[in-house]
């Protein structure tokens, strides 16, 4: 399956998510093809840190040149990080993908961005419809804050998007683990961040945990 993780708005946490998913997929003994098609190359940077620190399992990442249908289909799972700095690359990745995962921080601006993204997807020529999955990323950890719940309700109502309930909260552990080249579940395996991530990974890849 070819999964693109993307957003039209910066600061959504997509590269952090891709990195954590990549480590998890490799640990699940998946034949993974990992692609960093974002010119900012944040994913490439963190994998470089991981390599320098000698953490196992090691990850390999390819650039935009790997956006080739034959190459992507040869892997069990292909995972692509894309950014809006290269709109041609973004559209190419979306044309090749089976599904798009949109991390949505809890704000009205991010809901509007998701709506624009859905409209853009509708303009891309594809052999079949693209599955679009949205989830709350960087949600507030305080349950009394309504913005996270309101954003979730808005995503549920968006036509063309499937909302999944598992969410990731705004936790320091995600930033800290990423800066050290580790997945959140490697740095703090029993922490709340790891628990949240595992719930999301299971929802996205149920065939690997069933």
C-alpha atoms as a PDB file:
ATOM      1  CA  UNK A   1       0.000   0.000   0.000  1.00  0.00           C
ATOM      2  CA  UNK A   2       1.217   3.484  -0.860  1.00  0.00           C
ATOM      3  CA  UNK A   3       0.501   5.988   1.902  1.00  0.00           C
ATOM      4  CA  UNK A   4       1.173   9.711   1.573  1.00  0.00           C
ATOM      5  CA  UNK A   5       1.300  11.859   4.702  1.00  0.00           C
ATOM      6  CA  UNK A   6       0.657  15.468   3.842  1.00  0.00           C
ATOM      7  CA  UNK A   7      -0.933  18.778   4.680  1.00  0.00           C
ATOM      8  CA  UNK A   8      -1.308  22.130   2.979  1.00  0.00           C
ATOM      9  CA  UNK A   9      -0.510  23.909   6.241  1.00  0.00           C
ATOM     10  CA  UNK A  10       2.831  23.925   7.991  1.00  0.00           C
ATOM     11  CA  UNK A  11       3.295  22.768  11.545  1.00  0.00           C
ATOM     12  CA  UNK A  12       0.990  19.771  11.290  1.00  0.00           C
ATOM     13  CA  UNK A  13       3.640  17.323  12.542  1.00  0.00           C
ATOM     14  CA  UNK A  14       3.638  15.138   9.441  1.00  0.00           C
ATOM     15  CA  UNK A  15       7.379  14.380   9.380  1.00  0.00           C
ATOM     16  CA  UNK A  16       7.304  13.328  13.035  1.00  0.00           C
ATOM     17  CA  UNK A  17       4.416  11.011  12.243  1.00  0.00           C
ATOM     18  CA  UNK A  18       6.109   9.526   9.162  1.00  0.00           C
ATOM     19  CA  UNK A  19       9.280   8.853  11.128  1.00  0.00           C
ATOM     20  CA  UNK A  20       7.461   7.095  13.962  1.00  0.00           C
ATOM     21  CA  UNK A  21       5.398   5.044  11.511  1.00  0.00           C
ATOM     22  CA  UNK A  22       8.543   4.084   9.587  1.00  0.00           C
ATOM     23  CA  UNK A  23      10.306   2.770  12.701  1.00  0.00           C
ATOM     24  CA  UNK A  24       7.170   0.878  13.721  1.00  0.00           C
ATOM     25  CA  UNK A  25       6.726  -0.673  10.260  1.00  0.00           C
ATOM     26  CA  UNK A  26      10.352  -1.805  10.136  1.00  0.00           C
ATOM     27  CA  UNK A  27       9.979  -3.357  13.580  1.00  0.00           C
ATOM     28  CA  UNK A  28       6.929  -5.185  12.230  1.00  0.00           C
ATOM     29  CA  UNK A  29       9.289  -6.734   9.643  1.00  0.00           C
ATOM     30  CA  UNK A  30       7.592  -4.925   6.789  1.00  0.00           C
ATOM     31  CA  UNK A  31       9.372  -4.437   3.477  1.00  0.00           C
ATOM     32  CA  UNK A  32       9.180  -0.638   3.624  1.00  0.00           C
ATOM     33  CA  UNK A  33      10.027   1.957   0.999  1.00  0.00           C
ATOM     34  CA  UNK A  34      10.388   5.343   2.700  1.00  0.00           C
ATOM     35  CA  UNK A  35      10.359   8.494   0.574  1.00  0.00           C
ATOM     36  CA  UNK A  36      11.087  12.079   1.588  1.00  0.00           C
ATOM     37  CA  UNK A  37       9.591  14.188  -1.183  1.00  0.00           C
ATOM     38  CA  UNK A  38       9.467  17.337   0.946  1.00  0.00           C
ATOM     39  CA  UNK A  39      12.158  19.881  -0.055  1.00  0.00           C
ATOM     40  CA  UNK A  40      12.549  20.796   3.633  1.00  0.00           C
ATOM     41  CA  UNK A  41      13.948  17.234   4.095  1.00  0.00           C
ATOM     42  CA  UNK A  42      13.139  17.092   7.820  1.00  0.00           C
ATOM     43  CA  UNK A  43      12.561  13.346   7.583  1.00  0.00           C
ATOM     44  CA  UNK A  44      15.937  12.862   5.910  1.00  0.00           C
ATOM     45  CA  UNK A  45      17.571  14.909   8.663  1.00  0.00           C
ATOM     46  CA  UNK A  46      16.137  12.838  11.529  1.00  0.00           C
ATOM     47  CA  UNK A  47      17.092   9.592   9.826  1.00  0.00           C
ATOM     48  CA  UNK A  48      20.598  11.003   9.506  1.00  0.00           C
ATOM     49  CA  UNK A  49      20.643  11.607  13.263  1.00  0.00           C
ATOM     50  CA  UNK A  50      19.430   8.054  13.852  1.00  0.00           C
ATOM     51  CA  UNK A  51      22.173   6.683  11.622  1.00  0.00           C
ATOM     52  CA  UNK A  52      24.879   8.758  13.344  1.00  0.00           C
ATOM     53  CA  UNK A  53      23.729   7.532  16.764  1.00  0.00           C
ATOM     54  CA  UNK A  54      23.749   3.930  15.557  1.00  0.00           C
ATOM     55  CA  UNK A  55      20.164   3.202  16.617  1.00  0.00           C
ATOM     56  CA  UNK A  56      18.609  -0.034  15.412  1.00  0.00           C
ATOM     57  CA  UNK A  57      16.696  -0.857  13.350  1.00  0.00           C
ATOM     58  CA  UNK A  58      18.332   1.385  10.785  1.00  0.00           C
ATOM     59  CA  UNK A  59      16.166   3.292   8.316  1.00  0.00           C
ATOM     60  CA  UNK A  60      16.870   4.149   4.696  1.00  0.00           C
ATOM     61  CA  UNK A  61      15.115   7.021   2.962  1.00  0.00           C
ATOM     62  CA  UNK A  62      14.937   7.940  -0.706  1.00  0.00           C
ATOM     63  CA  UNK A  63      14.161  11.247  -2.363  1.00  0.00           C
ATOM     64  CA  UNK A  64      11.640  12.422  -4.932  1.00  0.00           C
ATOM     65  CA  UNK A  65      13.261  10.214  -7.575  1.00  0.00           C
ATOM     66  CA  UNK A  66      11.583   7.222  -5.895  1.00  0.00           C
ATOM     67  CA  UNK A  67       8.122   8.462  -6.882  1.00  0.00           C
ATOM     68  CA  UNK A  68       7.844   5.759  -9.492  1.00  0.00           C
ATOM     69  CA  UNK A  69       4.828   3.423  -9.543  1.00  0.00           C
ATOM     70  CA  UNK A  70       6.838   0.249 -10.202  1.00  0.00           C
ATOM     71  CA  UNK A  71       9.274   1.023  -7.425  1.00  0.00           C
ATOM     72  CA  UNK A  72       6.566   1.983  -4.944  1.00  0.00           C
ATOM     73  CA  UNK A  73       4.474  -1.125  -5.680  1.00  0.00           C
ATOM     74  CA  UNK A  74       7.445  -3.431  -5.204  1.00  0.00           C
ATOM     75  CA  UNK A  75       7.415  -2.780  -1.438  1.00  0.00           C
ATOM     76  CA  UNK A  76       4.908  -4.178   1.053  1.00  0.00           C
ATOM     77  CA  UNK A  77       4.357  -0.651   2.305  1.00  0.00           C
ATOM     78  CA  UNK A  78       5.460   2.649   0.804  1.00  0.00           C
ATOM     79  CA  UNK A  79       5.371   5.723   3.028  1.00  0.00           C
ATOM     80  CA  UNK A  80       5.809   9.188   1.528  1.00  0.00           C
ATOM     81  CA  UNK A  81       6.392  12.517   3.271  1.00  0.00           C
ATOM     82  CA  UNK A  82       5.374  15.441   1.052  1.00  0.00           C
ATOM     83  CA  UNK A  83       5.352  19.221   1.420  1.00  0.00           C
ATOM     84  CA  UNK A  84       3.822  22.216  -0.290  1.00  0.00           C
ATOM     85  CA  UNK A  85       7.218  23.678  -1.226  1.00  0.00           C
ATOM     86  CA  UNK A  86       7.117  21.334  -4.237  1.00  0.00           C
ATOM     87  CA  UNK A  87       3.538  21.258  -5.498  1.00  0.00           C
ATOM     88  CA  UNK A  88       4.442  19.190  -8.576  1.00  0.00           C
ATOM     89  CA  UNK A  89       5.970  16.542  -6.333  1.00  0.00           C
ATOM     90  CA  UNK A  90       2.955  16.680  -4.042  1.00  0.00           C
ATOM     91  CA  UNK A  91       0.532  16.151  -6.924  1.00  0.00           C
ATOM     92  CA  UNK A  92       2.644  13.317  -8.341  1.00  0.00           C
ATOM     93  CA  UNK A  93       2.685  11.543  -4.977  1.00  0.00           C
ATOM     94  CA  UNK A  94      -1.089  11.933  -4.644  1.00  0.00           C
ATOM     95  CA  UNK A  95      -1.616  10.580  -8.163  1.00  0.00           C
ATOM     96  CA  UNK A  96       0.340   7.433  -7.256  1.00  0.00           C
ATOM     97  CA  UNK A  97      -0.967   6.884  -3.723  1.00  0.00           C
ATOM     98  CA  UNK A  98      -3.614   4.517  -2.418  1.00  0.00           C
ATOM     99  CA  UNK A  99      -4.375   6.764   0.518  1.00  0.00           C
ATOM    100  CA  UNK A 100      -3.567  10.117   2.039  1.00  0.00           C
ATOM    101  CA  UNK A 101      -3.176  10.668   5.766  1.00  0.00           C
ATOM    102  CA  UNK A 102      -3.779  14.243   6.935  1.00  0.00           C
ATOM    103  CA  UNK A 103      -2.658  15.171  10.463  1.00  0.00           C
ATOM    104  CA  UNK A 104      -4.898  18.025  11.608  1.00  0.00           C
ATOM    105  CA  UNK A 105      -4.001  20.196  14.623  1.00  0.00           C
ATOM    106  CA  UNK A 106      -7.032  21.471  16.525  1.00  0.00           C
ATOM    107  CA  UNK A 107      -7.795  24.847  14.964  1.00  0.00           C
ATOM    108  CA  UNK A 108     -10.307  26.292  12.534  1.00  0.00           C
ATOM    109  CA  UNK A 109      -7.469  27.294  10.202  1.00  0.00           C
ATOM    110  CA  UNK A 110      -6.355  23.671   9.970  1.00  0.00           C
ATOM    111  CA  UNK A 111      -9.908  22.522   9.218  1.00  0.00           C
ATOM    112  CA  UNK A 112     -10.088  25.070   6.404  1.00  0.00           C
ATOM    113  CA  UNK A 113      -6.717  23.813   5.142  1.00  0.00           C
ATOM    114  CA  UNK A 114      -8.038  20.228   5.103  1.00  0.00           C
ATOM    115  CA  UNK A 115     -11.052  21.408   3.101  1.00  0.00           C
ATOM    116  CA  UNK A 116      -8.781  23.082   0.540  1.00  0.00           C
ATOM    117  CA  UNK A 117      -6.684  19.931   0.355  1.00  0.00           C
ATOM    118  CA  UNK A 118      -9.785  17.840  -0.412  1.00  0.00           C
ATOM    119  CA  UNK A 119     -10.733  20.226  -3.224  1.00  0.00           C
ATOM    120  CA  UNK A 120      -7.226  19.995  -4.678  1.00  0.00           C
ATOM    121  CA  UNK A 121      -7.322  16.195  -4.576  1.00  0.00           C
ATOM    122  CA  UNK A 122     -10.518  16.269  -6.602  1.00  0.00           C
ATOM    123  CA  UNK A 123      -8.633  18.018  -9.425  1.00  0.00           C
ATOM    124  CA  UNK A 124      -5.935  15.319  -9.705  1.00  0.00           C
ATOM    125  CA  UNK A 125      -6.360  12.695 -12.422  1.00  0.00           C
ATOM    126  CA  UNK A 126      -6.316   9.237 -10.895  1.00  0.00           C
ATOM    127  CA  UNK A 127      -7.424   5.754 -12.004  1.00  0.00           C
ATOM    128  CA  UNK A 128      -9.500   5.379  -8.820  1.00  0.00           C
ATOM    129  CA  UNK A 129     -10.587   7.590  -5.909  1.00  0.00           C
ATOM    130  CA  UNK A 130      -8.004   8.348  -3.250  1.00  0.00           C
ATOM    131  CA  UNK A 131      -8.788   7.229   0.282  1.00  0.00           C
ATOM    132  CA  UNK A 132      -8.332  10.239   2.558  1.00  0.00           C
ATOM    133  CA  UNK A 133      -7.907   9.732   6.307  1.00  0.00           C
ATOM    134  CA  UNK A 134      -7.855  12.547   8.825  1.00  0.00           C
ATOM    135  CA  UNK A 135      -6.975  12.498  12.503  1.00  0.00           C
ATOM    136  CA  UNK A 136      -6.244  14.953  15.289  1.00  0.00           C
ATOM    137  CA  UNK A 137      -2.547  15.641  15.781  1.00  0.00           C
ATOM    138  CA  UNK A 138      -1.076  17.838  18.501  1.00  0.00           C
ATOM    139  CA  UNK A 139      -4.375  17.841  20.369  1.00  0.00           C
ATOM    140  CA  UNK A 140      -4.664  19.486  23.769  1.00  0.00           C
ATOM    141  CA  UNK A 141      -4.008  17.163  26.688  1.00  0.00           C
ATOM    142  CA  UNK A 142      -6.576  18.975  28.851  1.00  0.00           C
ATOM    143  CA  UNK A 143     -10.008  17.500  28.246  1.00  0.00           C
ATOM    144  CA  UNK A 144     -11.759  20.731  29.239  1.00  0.00           C
ATOM    145  CA  UNK A 145     -10.423  22.466  26.113  1.00  0.00           C
ATOM    146  CA  UNK A 146     -13.174  22.329  23.503  1.00  0.00           C
ATOM    147  CA  UNK A 147     -11.170  23.196  20.379  1.00  0.00           C
ATOM    148  CA  UNK A 148      -9.862  19.642  19.953  1.00  0.00           C
ATOM    149  CA  UNK A 149     -13.371  18.175  20.175  1.00  0.00           C
ATOM    150  CA  UNK A 150     -14.757  20.832  17.843  1.00  0.00           C
ATOM    151  CA  UNK A 151     -12.041  20.105  15.275  1.00  0.00           C
ATOM    152  CA  UNK A 152     -12.793  16.392  15.486  1.00  0.00           C
ATOM    153  CA  UNK A 153     -16.500  17.071  14.917  1.00  0.00           C
ATOM    154  CA  UNK A 154     -15.677  19.237  11.906  1.00  0.00           C
ATOM    155  CA  UNK A 155     -13.482  16.525  10.385  1.00  0.00           C
ATOM    156  CA  UNK A 156     -16.221  13.928  10.842  1.00  0.00           C
ATOM    157  CA  UNK A 157     -18.517  16.113   8.740  1.00  0.00           C
ATOM    158  CA  UNK A 158     -16.110  16.647   5.841  1.00  0.00           C
ATOM    159  CA  UNK A 159     -17.239  14.764   2.714  1.00  0.00           C
ATOM    160  CA  UNK A 160     -14.476  12.690   1.155  1.00  0.00           C
ATOM    161  CA  UNK A 161     -12.533  12.281   4.407  1.00  0.00           C
ATOM    162  CA  UNK A 162     -12.616   9.337   6.808  1.00  0.00           C
ATOM    163  CA  UNK A 163     -11.960  10.441  10.361  1.00  0.00           C
ATOM    164  CA  UNK A 164     -10.181   8.040  12.728  1.00  0.00           C
ATOM    165  CA  UNK A 165     -10.575   8.501  16.473  1.00  0.00           C
ATOM    166  CA  UNK A 166      -7.056   7.703  17.749  1.00  0.00           C
ATOM    167  CA  UNK A 167      -5.255  10.994  18.207  1.00  0.00           C
ATOM    168  CA  UNK A 168      -1.833  12.291  19.156  1.00  0.00           C
ATOM    169  CA  UNK A 169      -1.566  15.000  21.775  1.00  0.00           C
ATOM    170  CA  UNK A 170       0.755  17.970  22.059  1.00  0.00           C
ATOM    171  CA  UNK A 171       3.395  16.245  24.167  1.00  0.00           C
ATOM    172  CA  UNK A 172       7.029  17.179  24.689  1.00  0.00           C
ATOM    173  CA  UNK A 173       8.041  13.547  24.246  1.00  0.00           C
ATOM    174  CA  UNK A 174       7.220  13.670  20.518  1.00  0.00           C
ATOM    175  CA  UNK A 175       9.580  16.606  19.934  1.00  0.00           C
ATOM    176  CA  UNK A 176      12.247  15.237  22.235  1.00  0.00           C
ATOM    177  CA  UNK A 177      12.302  11.749  20.745  1.00  0.00           C
ATOM    178  CA  UNK A 178      12.322  13.138  17.203  1.00  0.00           C
ATOM    179  CA  UNK A 179      15.301  15.399  17.917  1.00  0.00           C
ATOM    180  CA  UNK A 180      17.219  12.387  19.266  1.00  0.00           C
ATOM    181  CA  UNK A 181      16.462  10.165  16.263  1.00  0.00           C
ATOM    182  CA  UNK A 182      14.187   7.841  18.194  1.00  0.00           C
ATOM    183  CA  UNK A 183      10.534   6.890  17.846  1.00  0.00           C
ATOM    184  CA  UNK A 184       8.391   7.942  20.781  1.00  0.00           C
ATOM    185  CA  UNK A 185       7.838   4.309  21.764  1.00  0.00           C
ATOM    186  CA  UNK A 186      11.593   3.677  21.798  1.00  0.00           C
ATOM    187  CA  UNK A 187      12.434   6.587  24.079  1.00  0.00           C
ATOM    188  CA  UNK A 188       9.511   6.176  26.477  1.00  0.00           C
ATOM    189  CA  UNK A 189       7.796   2.846  25.712  1.00  0.00           C
ATOM    190  CA  UNK A 190       5.315   3.028  28.590  1.00  0.00           C
ATOM    191  CA  UNK A 191       4.494   6.703  28.245  1.00  0.00           C
ATOM    192  CA  UNK A 192       1.242   8.319  27.165  1.00  0.00           C
ATOM    193  CA  UNK A 193       2.739   9.405  23.851  1.00  0.00           C
ATOM    194  CA  UNK A 194       3.703   5.828  22.982  1.00  0.00           C
ATOM    195  CA  UNK A 195       0.241   4.630  23.967  1.00  0.00           C
ATOM    196  CA  UNK A 196      -1.388   7.211  21.704  1.00  0.00           C
ATOM    197  CA  UNK A 197       0.884   6.361  18.810  1.00  0.00           C
ATOM    198  CA  UNK A 198       0.245   2.631  19.098  1.00  0.00           C
ATOM    199  CA  UNK A 199      -3.501   3.246  18.949  1.00  0.00           C
ATOM    200  CA  UNK A 200      -3.113   5.285  15.773  1.00  0.00           C
ATOM    201  CA  UNK A 201      -0.729   2.792  14.136  1.00  0.00           C
ATOM    202  CA  UNK A 202      -3.172  -0.041  14.835  1.00  0.00           C
ATOM    203  CA  UNK A 203      -5.991   1.946  13.220  1.00  0.00           C
ATOM    204  CA  UNK A 204      -3.902   2.682  10.127  1.00  0.00           C
ATOM    205  CA  UNK A 205      -2.364  -0.773   9.702  1.00  0.00           C
ATOM    206  CA  UNK A 206      -4.876  -3.226  11.236  1.00  0.00           C
ATOM    207  CA  UNK A 207      -3.557  -6.111   9.105  1.00  0.00           C
ATOM    208  CA  UNK A 208      -0.233  -5.905  10.961  1.00  0.00           C
ATOM    209  CA  UNK A 209      -1.736  -6.194  14.432  1.00  0.00           C
ATOM    210  CA  UNK A 210      -4.730  -8.461  13.824  1.00  0.00           C
END
